[in-house]
Protein backbone atom coordinates (compact mmCIF):
# COMPACT_ATOMS: atom_id res chain seq x y z
CA MET A 1 48.89 108.49 103.50
CA ALA A 2 50.91 107.22 100.54
CA PHE A 3 52.61 104.09 99.38
CA ILE A 4 54.90 103.30 96.48
CA GLY A 5 54.24 100.58 93.91
CA PHE A 6 54.70 99.53 90.29
CA ASP A 7 51.98 99.49 87.66
CA LYS A 8 51.56 96.81 85.00
CA ALA A 9 53.97 98.59 82.66
CA GLY A 10 56.68 98.64 85.29
CA LEU A 11 56.35 102.37 85.88
CA LEU A 12 56.85 103.53 89.41
CA VAL A 13 53.80 105.41 90.63
CA ILE A 14 52.74 107.08 93.82
CA ARG A 15 49.35 106.03 95.08
CA LEU A 16 47.48 108.44 97.32
CA ARG A 17 44.66 107.28 99.53
CA ARG A 18 41.54 109.28 98.86
CA LEU A 19 41.25 111.10 102.13
CA ARG A 20 39.43 114.22 101.02
CA LYS A 21 38.11 114.90 104.50
CA PHE A 22 41.73 115.30 105.65
CA GLY A 23 42.51 117.74 102.84
CA TYR A 24 44.20 115.31 100.38
CA LEU A 25 43.50 115.64 96.67
CA ALA A 26 43.11 112.56 94.49
CA GLY A 27 41.72 111.57 91.15
CA GLU A 28 39.08 109.00 90.47
CA ASP A 29 41.55 106.10 90.70
CA GLY A 30 43.74 107.72 93.33
CA ILE A 31 46.87 107.54 91.13
CA MET A 32 49.28 110.27 90.13
CA ASP A 33 51.84 109.17 87.56
CA ILE A 34 55.33 110.21 88.71
CA VAL A 35 56.20 111.26 85.15
CA ASN A 36 53.30 113.70 85.10
CA VAL A 37 54.28 114.96 88.55
CA SER A 38 57.87 115.50 87.40
CA ARG A 39 56.69 117.40 84.32
CA PHE A 40 54.46 119.52 86.53
CA LEU A 41 57.49 120.55 88.58
CA ALA A 42 59.43 121.31 85.40
CA VAL A 43 56.70 123.71 84.29
CA ILE A 44 56.82 125.41 87.71
CA GLU A 45 60.57 125.92 87.35
CA ALA A 46 60.69 126.85 83.65
CA LYS A 47 57.50 129.00 83.82
CA SER A 48 56.45 127.67 80.43
CA PHE A 49 55.52 124.42 78.70
CA ALA A 50 58.21 125.03 76.06
CA GLY A 51 60.92 125.43 78.67
CA ALA A 52 59.79 122.32 80.54
CA SER A 53 59.80 120.29 77.31
CA LYS A 54 63.52 120.94 76.88
CA SER A 55 64.28 119.36 80.26
CA PHE A 56 62.66 116.10 79.20
CA GLY A 57 63.54 116.13 75.51
CA VAL A 58 59.88 116.02 74.48
CA THR A 59 57.52 118.36 72.68
CA PRO A 60 55.52 121.09 74.46
CA GLN A 61 52.43 119.13 73.44
CA ALA A 62 53.63 116.16 75.48
CA ILE A 63 54.07 118.42 78.52
CA ALA A 64 50.60 119.87 77.97
CA PHE A 65 49.14 116.35 77.77
CA SER A 66 50.77 115.39 81.11
CA ILE A 67 49.47 118.54 82.80
CA ALA A 68 45.99 118.01 81.38
CA LYS A 69 45.97 114.46 82.68
CA LEU A 70 47.11 115.59 86.11
CA GLU A 71 44.43 118.31 86.19
CA ALA A 72 41.79 115.77 85.25
CA GLU A 73 42.93 113.41 88.00
CA LEU A 74 42.92 116.15 90.63
CA GLY A 75 39.81 117.96 89.36
CA VAL A 76 41.44 121.41 89.46
CA LYS A 77 43.25 123.78 87.08
CA LEU A 78 46.96 124.01 87.78
CA PHE A 79 48.19 126.68 85.34
CA GLN A 80 46.97 129.81 83.58
CA ARG A 81 48.54 130.16 80.15
CA GLU A 82 49.15 133.76 79.13
CA SER A 83 50.33 135.48 75.98
CA GLY A 84 53.95 135.02 75.02
CA GLY A 85 53.97 131.45 76.35
CA VAL A 86 54.18 132.50 79.99
CA THR A 87 52.57 129.96 82.33
CA THR A 88 51.38 131.10 85.78
CA PRO A 89 50.69 128.52 88.52
CA THR A 90 47.31 128.65 90.23
CA GLU A 91 46.80 128.41 93.98
CA TYR A 92 46.23 124.68 93.51
CA ALA A 93 49.58 124.31 91.76
CA LEU A 94 51.36 126.17 94.53
CA ALA A 95 49.67 123.95 97.12
CA LEU A 96 50.66 120.83 95.20
CA GLU A 97 54.29 121.85 94.58
CA ALA A 98 55.77 120.87 97.97
CA HIS A 99 53.95 117.54 97.99
CA ALA A 100 55.03 116.87 94.42
CA ARG A 101 58.67 117.45 95.29
CA ASN A 102 58.41 115.00 98.16
CA LEU A 103 56.85 112.44 95.84
CA VAL A 104 59.71 112.77 93.34
CA VAL A 105 62.34 112.49 96.09
CA ASN A 106 60.62 109.40 97.49
CA GLU A 107 60.41 107.86 94.02
CA ARG A 108 64.14 108.35 93.47
CA SER A 109 64.94 106.98 96.91
CA ALA A 110 62.76 103.93 96.26
CA TYR A 111 64.38 103.29 92.90
CA LYS A 112 67.87 103.64 94.36
CA ALA A 113 67.00 101.27 97.20
CA ILE A 114 65.65 98.64 94.80
CA GLN A 115 68.66 98.93 92.52
CA SER A 116 71.08 98.66 95.46
CA LEU A 117 69.32 95.57 96.71
CA ARG A 118 69.34 94.06 93.24
CA GLU A 119 73.05 94.68 92.78
CA ALA A 120 73.82 92.86 96.02
CA GLU A 121 72.00 89.79 94.67
CA THR A 122 74.29 89.38 91.68
CA GLY A 123 77.86 90.12 90.63
CA TRP A 124 81.29 89.22 91.98
CA LEU A 125 82.75 89.30 95.48
CA ARG A 126 86.55 89.02 95.52
CA LEU A 127 87.77 88.11 98.98
CA GLY A 128 91.42 87.92 99.96
CA VAL A 129 92.27 85.63 102.90
CA GLY A 130 95.63 86.19 104.54
CA GLU A 131 97.62 84.72 107.40
CA THR A 132 96.20 84.79 110.94
CA MET A 133 92.62 84.59 109.69
CA THR A 134 90.49 81.88 111.21
CA GLY A 135 89.49 79.71 108.29
CA SER A 136 86.41 78.02 109.75
CA THR A 137 84.53 81.25 110.44
CA ILE A 138 85.34 82.78 107.05
CA ALA A 139 84.30 79.50 105.38
CA GLN A 140 80.96 79.62 107.18
CA LEU A 141 80.37 83.24 106.18
CA ILE A 142 81.10 82.40 102.56
CA SER A 143 78.76 79.40 102.67
CA ASP A 144 76.02 81.57 104.18
CA MET A 145 76.39 84.18 101.42
CA CYS A 146 76.26 81.48 98.73
CA ALA A 147 73.05 80.14 100.26
CA GLU A 148 71.45 83.57 100.64
CA ARG A 149 72.57 84.86 97.23
CA PRO A 150 72.86 81.89 94.84
CA ASP A 151 73.46 84.16 91.82
CA VAL A 152 76.57 85.73 93.37
CA ASN A 153 80.05 84.67 92.20
CA ILE A 154 82.70 84.56 94.95
CA ALA A 155 86.42 84.45 94.26
CA ILE A 156 88.73 83.55 97.17
CA ILE A 157 92.39 84.54 96.88
CA GLU A 158 94.73 83.21 99.58
CA ASN A 159 98.13 84.76 100.13
CA TYR A 160 100.10 86.87 102.55
CA THR A 161 98.26 90.05 103.47
CA ASP A 162 100.94 92.36 102.06
CA ARG A 163 100.64 90.68 98.66
CA LEU A 164 96.84 90.79 98.80
CA ILE A 165 96.99 94.54 99.54
CA THR A 166 99.03 95.03 96.36
CA ARG A 167 96.27 93.35 94.37
CA MET A 168 93.62 95.39 96.22
CA LYS A 169 95.39 98.60 95.19
CA LEU A 170 95.10 97.39 91.59
CA GLY A 171 91.34 96.93 92.05
CA GLU A 172 91.52 93.12 91.91
CA ILE A 173 90.26 92.43 95.46
CA ASP A 174 87.32 93.93 97.36
CA LEU A 175 87.98 92.81 100.96
CA ILE A 176 90.91 91.24 102.81
CA ALA A 177 90.62 89.17 105.96
CA GLY A 178 94.15 88.75 107.22
CA ALA A 179 97.01 90.28 109.19
CA PRO A 180 97.37 94.02 109.96
CA ILE A 181 98.72 96.51 107.45
CA THR A 182 102.50 96.75 107.75
CA ASN A 183 103.27 99.30 105.04
CA ILE A 184 102.63 102.78 106.42
CA ASP A 185 102.20 104.09 102.86
CA HIS A 186 98.91 102.18 102.64
CA ALA A 187 97.48 103.48 105.92
CA ASP A 188 95.69 106.50 104.42
CA SER A 189 94.06 104.62 101.53
CA LEU A 190 92.78 101.59 103.46
CA HIS A 191 90.34 100.97 106.28
CA GLN A 192 91.43 98.42 108.90
CA HIS A 193 89.20 96.85 111.58
CA VAL A 194 90.73 94.50 114.15
CA LEU A 195 88.55 91.40 114.46
CA PHE A 196 90.40 89.43 117.12
CA GLU A 197 93.80 88.51 118.51
CA SER A 198 95.17 84.98 118.35
CA THR A 199 98.02 83.41 120.29
CA ASP A 200 100.01 80.83 118.34
CA ILE A 201 100.61 77.30 119.56
CA VAL A 202 103.42 74.87 118.78
CA VAL A 203 102.33 72.13 116.36
CA ALA A 204 104.01 68.93 115.14
CA ARG A 205 103.07 65.65 113.54
CA SER A 206 101.10 63.29 115.79
CA ARG A 207 104.01 60.88 116.26
CA HIS A 208 106.53 63.60 117.19
CA PRO A 209 108.43 62.66 120.38
CA LEU A 210 107.20 65.80 122.18
CA VAL A 211 103.49 65.19 121.46
CA GLY A 212 101.76 63.91 124.57
CA LYS A 213 104.47 65.23 126.88
CA LYS A 214 103.38 67.74 129.52
CA ASP A 215 105.05 71.08 130.16
CA VAL A 216 107.44 71.00 127.21
CA GLY A 217 110.29 73.47 127.77
CA LEU A 218 112.57 75.32 125.41
CA GLU A 219 115.40 72.91 126.24
CA ASP A 220 113.22 70.04 124.99
CA MET A 221 112.68 71.76 121.64
CA GLN A 222 116.23 73.00 121.11
CA GLN A 223 117.35 70.01 119.02
CA TYR A 224 114.38 69.94 116.63
CA PRO A 225 114.08 71.71 113.27
CA TRP A 226 111.35 74.32 112.64
CA VAL A 227 109.23 75.21 109.61
CA VAL A 228 108.59 78.97 109.39
CA PRO A 229 107.18 81.34 106.74
CA TYR A 230 109.66 82.78 104.28
CA ALA A 231 107.96 86.06 103.31
CA ARG A 232 107.12 87.08 106.89
CA ARG A 233 109.87 86.54 109.45
CA ASP A 234 107.81 87.26 112.57
CA ALA A 235 107.53 83.56 113.51
CA HIS A 236 111.26 82.97 113.03
CA ASP A 237 112.14 86.08 115.04
CA ALA A 238 109.76 85.09 117.88
CA ILE A 239 111.34 81.63 118.14
CA VAL A 240 114.89 82.96 118.16
CA LYS A 241 114.00 85.66 120.71
CA ALA A 242 112.39 83.15 123.08
CA PHE A 243 115.53 81.00 123.16
CA LEU A 244 117.89 83.95 123.53
CA ASN A 245 115.81 85.41 126.38
CA ALA A 246 116.19 82.07 128.16
CA ASN A 247 119.99 82.16 127.61
CA LEU A 248 119.73 79.21 125.24
CA ASP A 249 121.13 78.78 121.75
CA PRO A 250 118.34 79.03 119.14
CA PRO A 251 117.54 75.96 117.03
CA LYS A 252 120.07 75.50 114.26
CA SER A 253 117.71 74.23 111.60
CA PHE A 254 114.97 76.34 110.02
CA LEU A 255 113.08 75.47 106.86
CA PHE A 256 111.49 78.56 105.26
CA SER A 257 108.34 77.83 103.25
CA ASP A 258 105.45 79.84 101.84
CA ALA A 259 103.75 76.74 100.41
CA PRO A 260 101.01 75.66 102.89
CA THR A 261 100.25 72.32 101.26
CA LEU A 262 103.91 71.36 100.88
CA GLY A 263 104.59 72.66 104.38
CA GLN A 264 101.99 70.28 105.81
CA ALA A 265 103.61 67.39 103.93
CA LEU A 266 107.06 68.38 105.18
CA ILE A 267 105.90 68.47 108.79
CA GLN A 268 104.49 64.98 108.34
CA SER A 269 107.79 63.74 106.90
CA ARG A 270 110.08 64.72 109.78
CA ASP A 271 110.00 65.84 113.41
CA TYR A 272 109.57 69.51 112.53
CA LEU A 273 107.97 72.03 114.87
CA PHE A 274 105.73 74.81 113.67
CA LEU A 275 104.04 77.92 115.17
CA SER A 276 100.42 78.20 114.11
CA PRO A 277 97.22 80.03 115.04
CA PRO A 278 94.98 77.45 116.79
CA ASP A 279 92.23 77.54 114.16
CA MET A 280 94.69 76.94 111.33
CA ALA A 281 96.55 74.04 112.93
CA HIS A 282 94.18 71.28 111.62
CA LEU A 283 94.16 69.42 114.97
CA GLU A 284 91.27 67.06 114.21
CA PRO A 285 91.04 63.98 116.47
CA GLY A 286 92.94 61.14 114.87
CA GLY A 287 94.51 63.49 112.34
CA GLY A 288 98.15 63.80 111.42
CA MET A 289 98.83 67.01 113.39
CA ALA A 290 98.93 67.55 117.15
CA ARG A 291 99.68 70.29 119.63
CA VAL A 292 102.91 70.39 121.59
CA PHE A 293 102.09 71.68 125.07
CA ALA A 294 104.72 74.38 125.41
CA ILE A 295 104.31 77.86 126.89
CA GLU A 296 107.09 79.25 124.69
CA PRO A 297 107.82 80.18 121.98
CA THR A 298 104.63 81.85 120.90
CA LEU A 299 103.39 84.77 118.86
CA THR A 300 100.32 86.96 119.30
CA ARG A 301 98.76 87.99 116.01
CA SER A 302 95.90 90.32 115.12
CA ALA A 303 93.35 89.39 112.49
CA CYS A 304 91.88 92.34 110.58
CA LEU A 305 89.36 93.21 107.92
CA ILE A 306 90.87 95.54 105.33
CA TYR A 307 89.11 97.40 102.52
CA PRO A 308 89.81 100.55 100.44
CA ASN A 309 88.67 104.02 101.41
CA ASP A 310 89.82 105.68 98.18
CA ARG A 311 87.09 104.01 96.11
CA PRO A 312 83.51 102.96 96.91
CA LEU A 313 82.73 99.34 97.76
CA SER A 314 80.18 97.51 95.67
CA ASN A 315 76.90 96.81 97.43
CA LEU A 316 77.81 93.12 97.53
CA ALA A 317 81.17 93.92 99.15
CA LYS A 318 79.33 96.09 101.72
CA VAL A 319 77.08 93.14 102.58
CA ALA A 320 80.11 90.88 103.05
CA ARG A 321 81.94 93.54 105.06
CA ASP A 322 79.00 93.96 107.43
CA LYS A 323 78.62 90.20 107.84
CA ILE A 324 82.30 89.86 108.77
CA LEU A 325 82.25 92.81 111.17
CA ASN A 326 79.05 91.65 112.86
CA THR A 327 79.88 87.98 113.27
CA LYS A 328 79.65 86.83 116.89
CA THR A 329 82.18 83.99 116.69
CA TRP A 330 85.47 85.88 116.49
CA HIS A 331 85.86 85.77 120.28
CA GLN A 332 86.12 81.99 120.01
CA HIS A 333 89.44 82.32 118.19
CA THR A 334 91.50 84.34 120.64
CA GLY A 335 94.05 81.59 121.11
CA ALA A 336 94.86 78.78 123.46
CA THR A 337 95.45 79.10 127.17
């Protein structure tokens, strides 16, 4: 049996249990230095100490020293040196070769695993958060990552998904949690995973005349102004369509705004109505916003995780991606009934 560890100098070594009765070879201390093992394989391939020395950029004497040390540890002779510098492996060398190759492969795998783990503990994660995304769950995921990886720097960029994708294409963002991809030109270069669907609700300030009223109809909302996004017209179009389908004139007043903070202040300043995903409506008890209980208009949105497939993700971004994809709380944000 074998296990992998580090010696006092930080050199990765392969330790072999001394199980001679099972046919394993080991030196007095049961250690084979991976550097010596690698040089042994180089001699096998080059068929000479001089040829092996070129692979490592060392002298033939250094190769000979490694082989001599390995022979002393194993208690056998590994090579017969002949005239002209030709080196012939003994039966012991041939028996050791396959095991040695496995040891080198395992060493490289172990090193890569350690490096990958280390990289995920430090560095930057650049997360874009777009419309539709449920803020509370993303906030919890970010908090968890900060607690688990205190040396990680996290940058959060909030904007419309289309604009975030433009920055992702420039290499400025690792992951986007937001609305689906709308530009077909981006479909081949980006991965998209649907996380959940959310049905919008009608929101207004708490003292709006329609708040607290049951079964609010389109006729009740016809006279009131609406705040809708400027860059994405899906909310505006859904409102207009709902009124037209009911043979009613659409509201005459729309205020188009892409400024979330100012939009909240505007809604508080007048009897505006607003379509919002439930989790983003800020409907805390006693707060300034409240739901208007209307069946229409509404809008069903999909929330997605988007990341590039034309360049590799950092290990830290992979950790964040897997956390987002594996979260068990997305089903709680499928909208109001």
